[in-house]
Amino acid sequence: MGGLPKKAQQLETVRGKKSAVLALDSGALLFKDEKLPPDQREQLTATAEGIVAAYNKMSFTAVGVARQDLAAGLPFLLAVQKNSSFPWLSANLLSRTARKPWFKPHTLITAGGMRIAIIGLTDQGSDSLFTEKDNAIIAPWEEILPKEIAQLRDRAEMVILLSSFPAAINRKIAEAHPEIHLILQGGNTPGNIPPERINNTLITQVEAQGKSVGILEVHWNAQSKRWEEPGSENLLEDKKNAMDRLGWQINRYRRQGDPEQTFKDQPEVLEAYNDLLARQKLLEEEIVRLTAEQKARDASHQRLSSYSSHFEPMRKELPDNPAVRAIVDATTSEVNRIGKAAVKARISETTVQQQKGPLGNYVGSTACTNCHAPQFAKWRGTQHATAYDTLEAKGQQFNVQCLPCHITGPAAQTGQEMLALAHDLRQVGCESCHGPARAHTIQPTGAKAGQPTMDTCLRCHTGEHDDRFNFAEALSRLRCGSD
């Protein structure tokens, strides 16, 4: 939930500048996975309810139902729907017996003086999400979508599809149905995907879990209902966005001083920096040319259906929306309360002492002091050594969604194991980087400790939590030295 207050503030800023703004989400909103660990269910569903409260405050127009949103079961999502001020959309999530939709298939709104239809489609996936008691199926899009489009043909001037199907399926939908003008896809493909035109349909995607906000500005010709060929206006916007991204990358190097001096002993880093400068110069020349072309087009009063788009990463320095920040804080406090209650109810010191399996292979950083005292002393001075303390300071030490990046142990451990963790594993210790060390303590030369890779760090240093992370710099700063 960490990015929601910034997302809300960004949305409020856009609404202050534009007269007609639709806030849409294609789904995979409530949960990351299609199944919930049983011992984390209560905390994860509490978080989901907090997300819905935040989206209510943000006045979302509609949200599509993705398979991940059904992770807590169909009854849970139906209950969540009752507390949602926005519609959850799925045209193909049907009751098995009556073949009637469990959620609204579409919604019709008026924005900017134009009637807009928004349809939802849920990915079928490879296996069923439902029990016999649920009385639910996910029908093929080929069966459902033509009926929806026919029903909306004379009722809307623009049709938008919120789809959690994979990209390849969305391309097929675009090829088969030029009546759909925009597909917002989510839940299957990683990363941000700029708009791509297939037939008469734009397909785009914002990366999952609120790491970015996608802003698509549309100038629509309601008479033709067709996207015109992209002109210099769209290309100019793309080049300006590319220039902004380059400037941000260049500034990351310059924050450390004059790059020519700072990286003079790191030729590969200096080469990368100079390459960015060269690309920046070429972009500047392109922008000057395209700006001149746009002025010439404006002078001749040409007006084409067009769009511009960019993705706004939810960086830490962006301001928070106070109302949504309050919702997030209340939710995380409740999640921590649930975890604390679980500790009292189910976890005992006996559990800690009897841990077996993967956790039993971890010995804690103190065990490293016998042979690696200087390295241990250096680690003690890093933020890794106090990672668990930061959770305690925020009252989040029982939040199993936060714990994995503040403790030592396998990423796949259960919530119960994390809450029962031995004291010497309550920090990002030596074994977080080098792997479990029990075998190494028994046979130091025969079972050597592993070395951290970029993937090791990126398990926690994601864009959402550390948008300035640089692996080479971090490794240089934290390296323990020769053993």
Protein backbone atom coordinates (compact mmCIF):
# COMPACT_ATOMS: atom_id res chain seq x y z
CA MET A 1 0.00 0.00 0.00
CA GLY A 2 3.01 2.26 0.35
CA GLY A 3 2.55 4.08 -2.96
CA LEU A 4 -1.17 4.83 -2.62
CA PRO A 5 -0.83 8.23 -0.88
CA LYS A 6 1.47 9.43 -3.66
CA LYS A 7 -0.76 7.92 -6.32
CA ALA A 8 -3.73 9.76 -4.80
CA GLN A 9 -1.87 13.07 -4.77
CA GLN A 10 -0.78 12.58 -8.38
CA LEU A 11 -4.38 11.89 -9.39
CA GLU A 12 -5.57 15.00 -7.54
CA THR A 13 -2.95 17.08 -9.36
CA VAL A 14 -4.08 15.76 -12.75
CA ARG A 15 -7.71 16.46 -11.91
CA GLY A 16 -6.78 20.03 -11.02
CA LYS A 17 -5.39 20.53 -14.53
CA LYS A 18 -7.88 18.57 -16.66
CA SER A 19 -11.65 18.84 -16.89
CA ALA A 20 -12.44 15.15 -17.58
CA VAL A 21 -10.32 12.52 -15.84
CA LEU A 22 -11.10 8.80 -15.65
CA ALA A 23 -9.27 6.78 -12.98
CA LEU A 24 -9.23 3.16 -14.16
CA ASP A 25 -7.56 -0.02 -12.91
CA SER A 26 -7.47 -3.31 -14.83
CA GLY A 27 -7.32 -5.46 -11.70
CA ALA A 28 -4.84 -7.51 -9.67
CA LEU A 29 -5.50 -4.72 -7.19
CA LEU A 30 -6.07 -6.55 -3.93
CA PHE A 31 -3.50 -9.37 -3.91
CA LYS A 32 -0.24 -10.22 -5.68
CA ASP A 33 -0.96 -13.94 -6.15
CA GLU A 34 -3.94 -16.14 -6.96
CA LYS A 35 -3.69 -18.07 -3.66
CA LEU A 36 -3.20 -16.74 -0.13
CA PRO A 37 -0.99 -18.45 2.47
CA PRO A 38 -3.54 -19.59 5.08
CA ASP A 39 -1.60 -18.12 7.99
CA GLN A 40 -1.43 -14.71 6.24
CA ARG A 41 -5.05 -14.57 5.10
CA GLU A 42 -6.31 -12.28 7.87
CA GLN A 43 -3.53 -9.73 7.37
CA LEU A 44 -3.79 -9.79 3.57
CA THR A 45 -7.55 -9.37 3.53
CA ALA A 46 -7.27 -6.46 5.98
CA THR A 47 -4.81 -4.85 3.57
CA ALA A 48 -7.22 -5.47 0.68
CA GLU A 49 -10.01 -3.70 2.54
CA GLY A 50 -7.68 -0.76 3.15
CA ILE A 51 -6.84 -0.59 -0.57
CA VAL A 52 -10.55 -0.39 -1.40
CA ALA A 53 -11.04 2.39 1.15
CA ALA A 54 -8.18 4.31 -0.49
CA TYR A 55 -9.63 3.81 -3.97
CA ASN A 56 -12.99 5.06 -2.69
CA LYS A 57 -11.29 8.22 -1.45
CA MET A 58 -9.54 8.57 -4.83
CA SER A 59 -12.91 8.39 -6.67
CA PHE A 60 -11.93 5.65 -9.09
CA THR A 61 -14.22 5.27 -12.09
CA ALA A 62 -14.00 1.47 -12.40
CA VAL A 63 -11.80 -1.52 -11.58
CA GLY A 64 -11.58 -4.79 -13.53
CA VAL A 65 -11.74 -8.16 -11.77
CA ALA A 66 -8.50 -10.11 -12.23
CA ARG A 67 -7.79 -13.63 -11.00
CA GLN A 68 -5.59 -12.25 -8.22
CA ASP A 69 -8.53 -10.26 -6.84
CA LEU A 70 -10.31 -13.60 -6.26
CA ALA A 71 -7.46 -15.02 -4.15
CA ALA A 72 -9.48 -14.74 -0.94
CA GLY A 73 -12.49 -16.34 -2.62
CA LEU A 74 -15.47 -15.12 -4.59
CA PRO A 75 -17.57 -14.43 -1.44
CA PHE A 76 -14.85 -12.10 -0.11
CA LEU A 77 -14.73 -10.06 -3.34
CA LEU A 78 -18.54 -9.88 -3.46
CA ALA A 79 -18.48 -8.52 0.10
CA VAL A 80 -15.74 -6.04 -0.83
CA GLN A 81 -17.87 -4.89 -3.76
CA LYS A 82 -20.59 -3.75 -1.34
CA ASN A 83 -18.10 -1.38 0.30
CA SER A 84 -16.73 -0.07 -3.02
CA SER A 85 -17.93 3.29 -4.34
CA PHE A 86 -16.70 2.24 -7.80
CA PRO A 87 -17.95 -0.72 -9.90
CA TRP A 88 -15.97 -3.94 -10.19
CA LEU A 89 -16.31 -5.08 -13.81
CA SER A 90 -16.26 -8.56 -15.35
CA ALA A 91 -18.42 -9.58 -18.30
CA ASN A 92 -17.22 -13.19 -18.30
CA LEU A 93 -17.21 -14.15 -14.60
CA LEU A 94 -20.56 -15.94 -14.51
CA SER A 95 -22.66 -18.14 -12.28
CA ARG A 96 -22.25 -21.69 -13.55
CA THR A 97 -25.95 -22.56 -13.37
CA ALA A 98 -27.70 -19.40 -14.57
CA ARG A 99 -24.85 -18.02 -16.75
CA LYS A 100 -25.44 -14.57 -15.23
CA PRO A 101 -22.54 -12.19 -14.38
CA TRP A 102 -21.49 -12.01 -10.75
CA PHE A 103 -20.27 -8.43 -11.34
CA LYS A 104 -21.31 -5.63 -13.66
CA PRO A 105 -20.22 -6.51 -17.21
CA HIS A 106 -19.75 -2.84 -18.13
CA THR A 107 -20.44 0.68 -17.00
CA LEU A 108 -21.54 3.68 -19.07
CA ILE A 109 -20.36 7.14 -18.11
CA THR A 110 -20.29 10.63 -19.59
CA ALA A 111 -16.99 12.51 -19.49
CA GLY A 112 -15.86 15.51 -21.49
CA GLY A 113 -19.29 15.64 -23.13
CA MET A 114 -18.77 12.11 -24.51
CA ARG A 115 -20.44 8.79 -23.70
CA ILE A 116 -17.87 6.16 -22.76
CA ALA A 117 -18.41 2.44 -22.21
CA ILE A 118 -16.01 0.51 -19.97
CA ILE A 119 -16.07 -3.31 -20.13
CA GLY A 120 -14.27 -5.77 -17.84
CA LEU A 121 -12.79 -9.17 -18.77
CA THR A 122 -11.24 -11.70 -16.36
CA ASP A 123 -8.43 -14.01 -17.52
CA GLN A 124 -9.48 -17.67 -17.65
CA GLY A 125 -6.09 -18.97 -16.53
CA SER A 126 -5.03 -22.60 -16.58
CA ASP A 127 -7.03 -23.90 -13.60
CA SER A 128 -10.20 -23.09 -11.75
CA LEU A 129 -10.23 -20.63 -8.86
CA PHE A 130 -13.60 -21.79 -7.60
CA THR A 131 -15.11 -24.52 -5.46
CA GLU A 132 -18.35 -26.28 -6.31
CA LYS A 133 -20.08 -24.12 -3.72
CA ASP A 134 -19.02 -20.90 -5.50
CA ASN A 135 -21.20 -21.72 -8.53
CA ALA A 136 -18.87 -19.72 -10.79
CA ILE A 137 -17.02 -20.05 -14.07
CA ILE A 138 -14.90 -17.74 -16.23
CA ALA A 139 -16.34 -17.93 -19.74
CA PRO A 140 -14.23 -17.50 -22.93
CA TRP A 141 -13.97 -13.94 -24.19
CA GLU A 142 -14.95 -15.12 -27.68
CA GLU A 143 -18.35 -16.08 -26.29
CA ILE A 144 -19.03 -13.01 -24.18
CA LEU A 145 -17.34 -9.99 -25.76
CA PRO A 146 -19.25 -9.84 -29.10
CA LYS A 147 -22.55 -9.66 -27.19
CA GLU A 148 -21.28 -6.82 -25.00
CA ILE A 149 -20.02 -4.85 -27.99
CA ALA A 150 -23.31 -5.32 -29.87
CA GLN A 151 -25.24 -4.11 -26.85
CA LEU A 152 -23.10 -0.96 -26.57
CA ARG A 153 -22.70 -0.14 -30.27
CA ASP A 154 -25.20 2.75 -30.39
CA ARG A 155 -24.83 3.79 -26.77
CA ALA A 156 -21.18 4.88 -26.60
CA GLU A 157 -18.81 7.03 -28.62
CA MET A 158 -15.74 5.34 -27.14
CA VAL A 159 -15.24 1.80 -25.79
CA ILE A 160 -12.57 0.91 -23.21
CA LEU A 161 -11.73 -2.65 -22.13
CA LEU A 162 -10.19 -3.47 -18.74
CA SER A 163 -8.58 -6.86 -19.38
CA SER A 164 -6.51 -9.17 -17.20
CA PHE A 165 -5.88 -11.51 -20.12
CA PRO A 166 -2.25 -11.91 -21.27
CA ALA A 167 -0.88 -9.52 -23.90
CA ALA A 168 -1.15 -12.10 -26.71
CA ILE A 169 -4.89 -12.53 -26.07
CA ASN A 170 -5.44 -8.78 -25.92
CA ARG A 171 -3.82 -8.46 -29.33
CA LYS A 172 -6.25 -11.04 -30.68
CA ILE A 173 -9.14 -9.11 -29.15
CA ALA A 174 -7.90 -5.90 -30.81
CA GLU A 175 -7.59 -7.64 -34.18
CA ALA A 176 -11.10 -9.11 -33.92
CA HIS A 177 -12.89 -6.06 -32.51
CA PRO A 178 -11.89 -2.65 -33.90
CA GLU A 179 -14.94 -1.29 -32.04
CA ILE A 180 -12.79 -1.39 -28.88
CA HIS A 181 -10.71 1.77 -28.87
CA LEU A 182 -8.53 1.23 -25.81
CA ILE A 183 -7.42 -1.86 -23.89
CA LEU A 184 -5.89 -1.36 -20.45
CA GLN A 185 -4.30 -4.68 -19.54
CA GLY A 186 -3.00 -5.76 -16.17
CA GLY A 187 -2.01 -8.66 -14.00
CA ASN A 188 0.07 -10.82 -16.35
CA THR A 189 2.98 -8.97 -18.00
CA PRO A 190 5.65 -7.19 -15.91
CA GLY A 191 6.53 -3.52 -16.30
CA ASN A 192 5.04 -0.48 -18.01
CA ILE A 193 4.03 -0.93 -21.66
CA PRO A 194 3.59 2.25 -23.77
CA PRO A 195 0.51 2.41 -26.01
CA GLU A 196 0.70 0.16 -29.06
CA ARG A 197 -1.83 0.43 -31.85
CA ILE A 198 -3.36 -2.83 -33.14
CA ASN A 199 -6.02 -2.33 -35.80
CA ASN A 200 -8.14 0.51 -34.33
CA THR A 201 -7.19 -0.26 -30.72
CA LEU A 202 -4.54 1.13 -28.40
CA ILE A 203 -3.15 -1.40 -25.90
CA THR A 204 -1.20 -0.20 -22.87
CA GLN A 205 -0.31 -1.32 -19.36
CA VAL A 206 0.91 0.14 -16.07
CA GLU A 207 3.19 -2.04 -13.95
CA ALA A 208 1.56 -3.90 -11.08
CA GLN A 209 1.26 -3.05 -7.39
CA GLY A 210 1.08 0.73 -7.75
CA LYS A 211 4.74 1.30 -8.63
CA SER A 212 3.74 3.79 -11.34
CA VAL A 213 0.78 5.82 -12.52
CA GLY A 214 0.04 5.77 -16.24
CA ILE A 215 -1.36 9.00 -17.67
CA LEU A 216 -2.99 8.76 -21.10
CA GLU A 217 -4.35 12.01 -22.52
CA VAL A 218 -6.78 11.49 -25.39
CA HIS A 219 -8.02 13.97 -28.01
CA TRP A 220 -10.89 12.00 -29.51
CA ASN A 221 -12.75 12.46 -32.78
CA ALA A 222 -16.21 11.21 -31.80
CA GLN A 223 -17.44 11.30 -35.39
CA SER A 224 -14.90 8.91 -36.91
CA LYS A 225 -14.29 6.87 -33.73
CA ARG A 226 -10.91 5.98 -35.16
CA TRP A 227 -7.36 6.61 -34.16
CA GLU A 228 -5.59 8.57 -36.85
CA GLU A 229 -2.00 7.78 -37.76
CA PRO A 230 0.28 9.13 -35.02
CA GLY A 231 1.53 12.59 -35.98
CA SER A 232 4.40 14.69 -34.75
CA GLU A 233 2.35 15.78 -31.72
CA ASN A 234 2.46 12.25 -30.24
CA LEU A 235 6.06 11.77 -31.27
CA LEU A 236 7.03 15.09 -29.72
CA GLU A 237 5.40 14.10 -26.43
CA ASP A 238 7.25 10.77 -26.49
CA LYS A 239 10.56 12.55 -27.10
CA LYS A 240 9.92 14.98 -24.23
CA ASN A 241 9.14 12.08 -21.90
CA ALA A 242 12.31 10.34 -23.04
CA MET A 243 14.25 13.55 -22.34
CA ASP A 244 12.80 13.67 -18.81
CA ARG A 245 13.88 10.09 -18.16
CA LEU A 246 17.37 10.76 -19.50
CA GLY A 247 17.69 13.87 -17.35
CA TRP A 248 16.74 11.86 -14.26
CA GLN A 249 19.35 9.19 -15.10
CA ILE A 250 22.06 11.78 -15.75
CA ASN A 251 21.31 13.52 -12.45
CA ARG A 252 21.82 10.24 -10.59
CA TYR A 253 25.45 10.29 -11.75
CA ARG A 254 25.89 14.02 -11.01
CA ARG A 255 24.61 13.74 -7.44
CA GLN A 256 27.95 12.14 -6.57
CA GLY A 257 29.97 15.06 -7.97
CA ASP A 258 31.57 15.79 -11.34
CA PRO A 259 31.26 12.42 -13.15
CA GLU A 260 34.53 12.99 -15.04
CA GLN A 261 36.36 13.06 -11.70
CA THR A 262 34.15 10.74 -9.64
CA PHE A 263 34.28 7.88 -12.15
CA LYS A 264 37.71 8.45 -13.69
CA ASP A 265 38.83 5.08 -12.31
CA GLN A 266 35.63 3.36 -13.47
CA PRO A 267 35.77 3.60 -17.28
CA GLU A 268 32.65 1.47 -17.81
CA VAL A 269 30.59 3.81 -15.60
CA LEU A 270 32.01 6.91 -17.28
CA GLU A 271 31.27 5.41 -20.70
CA ALA A 272 27.64 4.82 -19.70
CA TYR A 273 27.36 8.42 -18.48
CA ASN A 274 28.82 9.85 -21.71
CA ASP A 275 26.47 7.67 -23.73
CA LEU A 276 23.53 9.26 -21.89
CA LEU A 277 24.88 12.72 -22.73
CA ALA A 278 25.15 11.82 -26.43
CA ARG A 279 21.59 10.50 -26.46
CA GLN A 280 20.41 13.67 -24.73
CA LYS A 281 21.97 15.84 -27.44
CA LEU A 282 20.26 13.85 -30.21
CA LEU A 283 16.94 14.12 -28.42
CA GLU A 284 17.32 17.87 -28.08
CA GLU A 285 17.77 18.16 -31.85
CA GLU A 286 14.72 15.95 -32.49
CA ILE A 287 12.56 18.02 -30.13
CA VAL A 288 13.51 21.25 -31.89
CA ARG A 289 12.55 19.75 -35.27
CA LEU A 290 9.26 18.25 -34.06
CA THR A 291 8.28 21.45 -32.27
CA ALA A 292 8.65 23.36 -35.55
CA GLU A 293 6.50 20.76 -37.33
CA GLN A 294 3.80 21.00 -34.66
CA LYS A 295 3.65 24.80 -34.94
CA ALA A 296 3.24 24.48 -38.71
CA ARG A 297 0.42 21.98 -38.25
CA ASP A 298 -1.35 24.17 -35.68
CA ALA A 299 -1.12 27.12 -38.04
CA SER A 300 -3.03 25.15 -40.68
CA HIS A 301 -5.74 24.25 -38.10
CA GLN A 302 -5.34 20.48 -38.45
CA ARG A 303 -6.97 18.58 -35.60
CA LEU A 304 -6.49 14.80 -35.49
CA SER A 305 -7.62 12.18 -32.99
CA SER A 306 -4.48 11.69 -30.96
CA TYR A 307 -3.04 10.76 -27.60
CA SER A 308 -0.04 11.40 -25.41
CA SER A 309 1.13 9.20 -22.58
CA HIS A 310 3.72 8.86 -19.88
CA PHE A 311 4.34 6.82 -16.74
CA GLU A 312 4.95 8.55 -13.43
CA PRO A 313 6.98 6.38 -10.99
CA MET A 314 5.88 6.68 -7.37
CA ARG A 315 9.18 8.04 -6.07
CA LYS A 316 9.74 8.62 -2.37
CA GLU A 317 10.11 12.38 -2.74
CA LEU A 318 6.62 12.79 -4.20
CA PRO A 319 4.11 14.29 -1.72
CA ASP A 320 1.49 12.18 0.05
CA ASN A 321 -2.25 12.79 -0.03
CA PRO A 322 -3.11 13.29 3.68
CA ALA A 323 -6.49 11.51 3.57
CA VAL A 324 -5.13 8.42 1.84
CA ARG A 325 -2.02 8.46 4.06
CA ALA A 326 -4.36 8.25 7.07
CA ILE A 327 -6.13 5.23 5.52
CA VAL A 328 -2.81 3.50 4.81
CA ASP A 329 -1.51 4.17 8.33
CA ALA A 330 -4.72 2.85 9.92
CA THR A 331 -4.59 -0.24 7.72
CA THR A 332 -0.96 -1.07 8.46
CA SER A 333 -1.64 -0.60 12.19
CA GLU A 334 -4.51 -3.06 11.96
CA VAL A 335 -2.36 -5.53 10.01
CA ASN A 336 0.33 -5.28 12.69
CA ARG A 337 -2.29 -5.78 15.43
CA ILE A 338 -3.46 -8.98 13.72
CA GLY A 339 0.13 -10.25 13.56
CA LYS A 340 0.73 -9.44 17.21
CA ALA A 341 -2.43 -11.32 18.19
CA ALA A 342 -1.22 -14.29 16.15
CA VAL A 343 2.04 -14.32 18.09
CA LYS A 344 0.20 -14.43 21.40
CA ALA A 345 -2.28 -17.05 20.24
CA ARG A 346 -0.14 -19.49 18.30
CA ILE A 347 3.59 -18.86 18.72
CA SER A 348 5.60 -20.05 21.69
CA GLU A 349 9.25 -20.27 22.60
CA THR A 350 8.99 -24.01 21.95
CA THR A 351 8.16 -23.24 18.32
CA VAL A 352 11.29 -21.15 18.03
CA GLN A 353 13.51 -23.83 19.52
CA GLN A 354 12.04 -26.62 17.37
CA GLN A 355 12.27 -24.93 13.99
CA LYS A 356 13.26 -27.38 11.29
CA GLY A 357 13.61 -27.36 7.50
CA PRO A 358 15.03 -24.30 5.68
CA LEU A 359 15.11 -22.10 8.79
CA GLY A 360 17.21 -24.68 10.56
CA ASN A 361 20.02 -24.00 8.09
CA TYR A 362 20.37 -20.41 9.31
CA VAL A 363 22.61 -19.77 12.29
CA GLY A 364 22.46 -15.96 12.69
CA SER A 365 25.13 -13.32 12.20
CA THR A 366 26.66 -13.78 15.65
CA ALA A 367 27.93 -17.21 14.56
CA CYS A 368 30.13 -15.47 11.99
CA THR A 369 32.16 -13.58 14.58
CA ASN A 370 34.53 -16.47 15.38
CA CYS A 371 36.20 -16.28 11.95
CA HIS A 372 34.98 -12.98 10.49
CA ALA A 373 35.13 -10.48 13.34
CA PRO A 374 36.20 -7.45 11.19
CA GLN A 375 33.45 -8.16 8.65
CA PHE A 376 30.89 -8.56 11.44
CA ALA A 377 31.97 -5.23 12.95
CA LYS A 378 31.56 -3.49 9.59
CA TRP A 379 28.10 -5.03 9.11
CA ARG A 380 27.07 -3.77 12.56
CA GLY A 381 27.54 -0.24 11.28
CA THR A 382 25.17 -0.66 8.32
CA GLN A 383 21.43 -0.07 8.07
CA HIS A 384 21.01 -3.79 7.38
CA ALA A 385 21.91 -4.47 11.02
CA THR A 386 19.00 -2.35 12.27
CA ALA A 387 16.44 -3.26 9.58
CA TYR A 388 14.14 -4.96 12.09
CA ASP A 389 14.45 -2.00 14.47
CA THR A 390 12.92 0.30 11.83
CA LEU A 391 9.80 -1.89 11.83
CA GLU A 392 9.62 -1.76 15.61
CA ALA A 393 9.93 2.03 15.51
CA LYS A 394 6.93 2.18 13.17
CA GLY A 395 4.96 -0.45 15.08
CA GLN A 396 5.08 -2.84 12.12
CA GLN A 397 7.21 -5.68 13.50
CA PHE A 398 4.23 -8.08 13.29
CA ASN A 399 3.30 -7.16 9.70
CA VAL A 400 4.16 -10.25 7.63
CA GLN A 401 4.01 -8.20 4.43
CA CYS A 402 6.90 -6.03 5.65
CA LEU A 403 8.93 -8.63 7.53
CA PRO A 404 10.60 -10.49 4.61
CA CYS A 405 12.84 -7.50 3.82
CA HIS A 406 13.73 -6.78 7.44
CA ILE A 407 14.81 -10.23 8.64
CA THR A 408 17.16 -13.07 7.70
CA GLY A 409 15.71 -16.26 6.27
CA PRO A 410 14.26 -17.85 3.15
CA ALA A 411 11.80 -15.76 1.16
CA ALA A 412 9.28 -18.60 1.12
CA GLN A 413 8.92 -18.95 4.88
CA THR A 414 5.40 -18.72 6.25
CA GLY A 415 4.00 -15.85 8.27
CA GLN A 416 4.03 -18.03 11.38
CA GLU A 417 7.75 -18.77 10.90
CA MET A 418 8.56 -15.09 10.42
CA LEU A 419 6.68 -14.12 13.57
CA ALA A 420 8.48 -16.84 15.55
CA LEU A 421 11.94 -16.01 14.25
CA ALA A 422 14.90 -16.32 16.61
CA HIS A 423 16.25 -12.99 17.85
CA ASP A 424 19.56 -13.31 15.99
CA LEU A 425 17.70 -13.47 12.67
CA ARG A 426 15.73 -10.28 13.26
CA GLN A 427 17.74 -8.06 10.93
CA VAL A 428 19.17 -8.26 7.42
CA GLY A 429 22.15 -10.32 8.49
CA CYS A 430 25.15 -11.94 6.86
CA GLU A 431 23.05 -14.86 5.58
CA SER A 432 20.66 -12.53 3.75
CA CYS A 433 23.50 -11.86 1.30
CA HIS A 434 25.57 -15.04 1.57
CA GLY A 435 22.88 -17.66 2.12
CA PRO A 436 22.31 -20.10 5.02
CA ALA A 437 25.59 -20.78 6.81
CA ARG A 438 25.09 -23.78 9.10
CA ALA A 439 27.06 -26.06 6.75
CA HIS A 440 29.76 -23.38 6.42
CA THR A 441 30.20 -23.16 10.20
CA ILE A 442 30.73 -26.94 10.30
CA GLN A 443 33.03 -27.19 7.24
CA PRO A 444 34.35 -23.68 6.44
CA THR A 445 36.41 -24.73 3.43
CA GLY A 446 34.14 -27.48 2.14
CA ALA A 447 30.93 -25.43 2.19
CA LYS A 448 31.87 -21.90 1.20
CA ALA A 449 29.41 -19.07 1.62
CA GLY A 450 27.74 -17.74 -1.52
CA GLN A 451 28.22 -14.25 -2.96
CA PRO A 452 25.36 -11.76 -3.42
CA THR A 453 24.12 -11.01 -6.93
CA MET A 454 21.94 -8.19 -8.20
CA ASP A 455 18.93 -10.50 -7.93
CA THR A 456 19.76 -11.01 -4.25
CA CYS A 457 19.38 -7.29 -3.63
CA LEU A 458 16.41 -6.73 -5.93
CA ARG A 459 14.24 -9.03 -3.86
CA CYS A 460 13.82 -6.04 -1.55
CA HIS A 461 15.38 -3.01 -3.26
CA THR A 462 12.53 -2.70 -5.74
CA GLY A 463 11.51 0.54 -7.42
CA GLU A 464 8.60 0.83 -4.99
CA HIS A 465 10.88 0.81 -1.94
CA ASP A 466 14.22 2.11 -3.25
CA ASP A 467 13.91 3.86 -6.62
CA ARG A 468 17.56 5.02 -6.45
CA PHE A 469 19.13 1.61 -5.84
CA ASN A 470 22.39 1.05 -7.72
CA PHE A 471 23.83 -2.46 -7.34
CA ALA A 472 27.45 -1.59 -8.18
CA GLU A 473 27.45 1.36 -5.78
CA ALA A 474 25.76 -0.63 -3.01
CA LEU A 475 28.15 -3.55 -3.39
CA SER A 476 31.15 -1.23 -3.24
CA ARG A 477 29.80 0.51 -0.14
CA LEU A 478 28.74 -2.62 1.75
CA ARG A 479 31.45 -5.06 0.69
CA CYS A 480 32.76 -6.79 3.80
CA GLY A 481 36.30 -7.19 2.46
CA SER A 482 38.42 -10.27 1.90
CA ASP A 483 37.80 -13.25 4.16
